[in-house]
């Protein structure tokens, strides 16, 4: 995948979609387009097209390994792994406005510009929960193994991230340099954002 080029999937940075960097902002949330180019029980290959400022919200890939290859453009990626993969969400405050929170560790918070290396997300490492925002019109390929399957409990969950310092839990409290060094946040499950437009 590191050697893959846009031309390998019929794309070129000369296409009008990718050249249109200075187009005026559209009303509302930019729509994201995707197309599945291969799918089997073992893996799927999906191309995503994001206009400038389009956002794929913070979401997960449960029990899946994902190869993500940015082919054209520039994207900001922010990703997390669970701080303790075996620790369930904290339910002590489940009836409050905060709902169920789970501690996560920031893995990536950076801008990537094609051409760049492939990122690999593992079921419990590498930034399994992640968000993408297109800095410029972008296309990327996801190879997901195994693919999403509601029947096999591999459905997409969306999250919002809350800075660690903004929520004080009575248990599992981390202090001082350990908290700062690991760049922690609380993740809370949310419904699929209503303004998410995926075509």
Protein backbone atom coordinates (compact mmCIF):
# COMPACT_ATOMS: atom_id res chain seq x y z
CA UNK A 1 0.00 0.00 0.00
CA UNK A 2 2.92 2.40 0.62
CA UNK A 3 3.77 2.20 -3.09
CA UNK A 4 0.17 2.76 -4.21
CA UNK A 5 -0.43 5.83 -6.36
CA UNK A 6 -3.68 7.65 -7.23
CA UNK A 7 -3.38 6.30 -10.78
CA UNK A 8 -3.69 2.75 -9.43
CA UNK A 9 -7.36 3.46 -8.66
CA UNK A 10 -8.06 5.72 -11.64
CA UNK A 11 -7.48 9.06 -9.89
CA UNK A 12 -5.34 12.09 -10.73
CA UNK A 13 -4.64 15.32 -8.88
CA UNK A 14 -5.50 17.08 -12.18
CA UNK A 15 -9.17 16.10 -11.83
CA UNK A 16 -11.43 19.15 -11.25
CA UNK A 17 -12.49 17.90 -7.77
CA UNK A 18 -8.89 18.04 -6.51
CA UNK A 19 -7.89 21.24 -8.35
CA UNK A 20 -10.82 23.16 -6.87
CA UNK A 21 -8.94 24.18 -3.70
CA UNK A 22 -10.18 27.76 -3.57
CA UNK A 23 -13.86 27.12 -4.26
CA UNK A 24 -16.18 29.14 -2.03
CA UNK A 25 -17.42 27.28 1.03
CA UNK A 26 -20.73 25.53 0.46
CA UNK A 27 -23.70 26.08 2.74
CA UNK A 28 -23.78 23.64 5.65
CA UNK A 29 -21.65 20.55 6.06
CA UNK A 30 -19.71 19.39 2.97
CA UNK A 31 -20.83 15.97 1.70
CA UNK A 32 -18.42 13.04 1.70
CA UNK A 33 -18.57 10.57 -1.16
CA UNK A 34 -17.40 6.97 -0.94
CA UNK A 35 -17.38 3.95 -3.21
CA UNK A 36 -16.63 0.31 -2.41
CA UNK A 37 -14.23 -1.10 -4.98
CA UNK A 38 -14.05 -4.60 -3.46
CA UNK A 39 -15.84 -6.49 -0.70
CA UNK A 40 -15.66 -10.05 0.61
CA UNK A 41 -16.23 -11.71 3.98
CA UNK A 42 -12.54 -11.22 4.78
CA UNK A 43 -11.93 -7.59 3.78
CA UNK A 44 -13.24 -4.59 1.87
CA UNK A 45 -11.63 -1.73 -0.05
CA UNK A 46 -13.36 1.66 0.05
CA UNK A 47 -12.38 4.99 -1.55
CA UNK A 48 -13.44 8.20 0.23
CA UNK A 49 -13.59 11.67 -1.35
CA UNK A 50 -13.61 14.69 0.98
CA UNK A 51 -13.99 18.29 -0.19
CA UNK A 52 -12.19 20.96 1.84
CA UNK A 53 -13.44 21.13 5.46
CA UNK A 54 -15.42 17.89 5.20
CA UNK A 55 -15.20 15.89 8.43
CA UNK A 56 -15.53 12.18 9.13
CA UNK A 57 -16.43 12.33 12.84
CA UNK A 58 -14.66 10.45 15.62
CA UNK A 59 -15.59 6.79 15.13
CA UNK A 60 -14.19 3.31 15.68
CA UNK A 61 -13.39 0.09 13.83
CA UNK A 62 -14.25 -2.62 16.39
CA UNK A 63 -12.27 -5.85 16.00
CA UNK A 64 -10.87 -4.66 12.67
CA UNK A 65 -7.47 -3.91 11.18
CA UNK A 66 -7.54 -0.95 8.79
CA UNK A 67 -4.92 0.13 6.27
CA UNK A 68 -5.48 3.81 5.47
CA UNK A 69 -3.71 5.34 2.48
CA UNK A 70 -4.04 9.03 1.69
CA UNK A 71 -3.78 9.20 -2.11
CA UNK A 72 -4.42 12.87 -2.89
CA UNK A 73 -4.75 16.00 -0.79
CA UNK A 74 -4.17 16.93 2.82
CA UNK A 75 -6.06 15.86 5.95
CA UNK A 76 -5.92 16.49 9.66
CA UNK A 77 -6.19 13.24 11.63
CA UNK A 78 -6.90 12.91 15.34
CA UNK A 79 -6.96 9.42 16.80
CA UNK A 80 -7.20 7.63 20.13
CA UNK A 81 -6.76 4.18 21.65
CA UNK A 82 -8.39 3.11 24.90
CA UNK A 83 -6.04 3.85 27.80
CA UNK A 84 -6.94 0.42 29.17
CA UNK A 85 -8.49 -1.84 26.49
CA UNK A 86 -9.92 -4.16 29.19
CA UNK A 87 -11.52 -1.36 31.21
CA UNK A 88 -15.26 -0.91 30.43
CA UNK A 89 -16.89 2.54 30.24
CA UNK A 90 -17.34 4.24 33.61
CA UNK A 91 -20.99 3.84 34.58
CA UNK A 92 -20.90 5.52 37.99
CA UNK A 93 -22.29 8.72 36.48
CA UNK A 94 -24.42 7.16 33.75
CA UNK A 95 -27.54 9.12 34.66
CA UNK A 96 -25.77 12.47 34.50
CA UNK A 97 -25.42 14.65 31.44
CA UNK A 98 -21.95 13.16 30.94
CA UNK A 99 -23.32 9.63 30.42
CA UNK A 100 -20.78 6.83 30.07
CA UNK A 101 -17.19 7.97 29.73
CA UNK A 102 -14.11 5.93 28.94
CA UNK A 103 -10.50 7.02 29.21
CA UNK A 104 -8.55 7.18 25.94
CA UNK A 105 -4.99 8.06 25.00
CA UNK A 106 -4.25 10.42 22.10
CA UNK A 107 -2.19 8.64 19.42
CA UNK A 108 -2.16 11.12 16.50
CA UNK A 109 -3.06 14.79 16.17
CA UNK A 110 -1.43 15.94 12.94
CA UNK A 111 -1.85 16.97 9.32
CA UNK A 112 -0.90 14.48 6.59
CA UNK A 113 -0.26 15.42 2.97
CA UNK A 114 -0.04 12.97 0.06
CA UNK A 115 2.19 11.27 -0.80
CA UNK A 116 2.71 9.74 2.64
CA UNK A 117 3.04 6.33 4.25
CA UNK A 118 0.09 4.06 4.96
CA UNK A 119 -1.30 4.17 8.49
CA UNK A 120 -2.37 0.93 10.11
CA UNK A 121 -5.07 0.79 12.77
CA UNK A 122 -5.28 -2.39 14.82
CA UNK A 123 -8.27 -3.49 16.95
CA UNK A 124 -6.65 -2.10 20.14
CA UNK A 125 -3.74 0.04 18.88
CA UNK A 126 -2.66 2.56 16.29
CA UNK A 127 -5.56 4.99 16.75
CA UNK A 128 -8.64 2.80 16.34
CA UNK A 129 -10.98 5.71 17.18
CA UNK A 130 -10.26 8.52 14.75
CA UNK A 131 -11.55 11.67 13.05
CA UNK A 132 -10.51 13.10 9.66
CA UNK A 133 -10.91 16.68 8.41
CA UNK A 134 -9.94 17.60 4.85
CA UNK A 135 -7.53 20.54 4.76
CA UNK A 136 -7.68 20.38 0.94
CA UNK A 137 -9.80 18.22 -1.41
CA UNK A 138 -8.68 14.69 -0.58
CA UNK A 139 -9.06 11.05 -1.49
CA UNK A 140 -8.03 8.10 0.63
CA UNK A 141 -8.33 4.33 0.47
CA UNK A 142 -9.39 2.20 3.43
CA UNK A 143 -8.71 -1.55 3.41
CA UNK A 144 -10.74 -3.02 6.28
CA UNK A 145 -10.27 -6.56 7.51
CA UNK A 146 -12.71 -7.92 8.36
CA UNK A 147 -15.25 -5.37 7.08
CA UNK A 148 -18.03 -3.81 9.14
CA UNK A 149 -20.77 -6.32 9.98
CA UNK A 150 -23.70 -5.63 12.29
CA UNK A 151 -24.40 -9.38 12.48
CA UNK A 152 -20.88 -10.04 13.80
CA UNK A 153 -20.83 -7.06 16.23
CA UNK A 154 -18.58 -4.90 14.07
CA UNK A 155 -20.80 -1.84 13.82
CA UNK A 156 -19.51 1.74 13.77
CA UNK A 157 -19.77 3.73 17.01
CA UNK A 158 -19.37 7.53 17.10
CA UNK A 159 -17.77 9.46 19.95
CA UNK A 160 -17.13 12.93 21.24
CA UNK A 161 -13.88 13.66 23.05
CA UNK A 162 -13.73 15.59 26.32
CA UNK A 163 -10.37 16.87 27.63
CA UNK A 164 -9.21 14.87 30.64
CA UNK A 165 -9.00 17.97 32.82
CA UNK A 166 -12.65 18.92 32.18
CA UNK A 167 -14.13 15.87 33.90
CA UNK A 168 -13.10 14.72 37.35
CA UNK A 169 -13.73 11.07 38.08
CA UNK A 170 -13.44 9.76 41.63
CA UNK A 171 -11.80 6.52 40.47
CA UNK A 172 -8.97 5.86 38.03
CA UNK A 173 -7.74 9.41 38.66
CA UNK A 174 -4.36 10.08 37.08
CA UNK A 175 -2.27 12.99 38.22
CA UNK A 176 0.79 15.00 37.35
CA UNK A 177 3.26 14.01 34.66
CA UNK A 178 1.62 10.69 33.83
CA UNK A 179 -1.56 12.44 32.70
CA UNK A 180 0.34 15.09 30.75
CA UNK A 181 2.70 12.60 29.14
CA UNK A 182 -0.03 10.30 27.89
CA UNK A 183 -2.31 13.07 26.59
CA UNK A 184 -5.55 11.63 27.89
CA UNK A 185 -9.18 12.40 27.07
CA UNK A 186 -12.58 11.01 27.96
CA UNK A 187 -14.57 9.54 25.07
CA UNK A 188 -18.35 9.45 25.20
CA UNK A 189 -20.55 7.48 22.78
CA UNK A 190 -22.90 9.67 20.74
CA UNK A 191 -25.46 9.13 18.02
CA UNK A 192 -24.31 9.44 14.41
CA UNK A 193 -24.06 13.22 13.84
CA UNK A 194 -27.19 14.44 12.05
CA UNK A 195 -25.24 16.74 9.76
CA UNK A 196 -23.00 13.92 8.49
CA UNK A 197 -23.57 13.59 4.74
CA UNK A 198 -22.18 10.37 3.26
CA UNK A 199 -23.11 9.55 -0.34
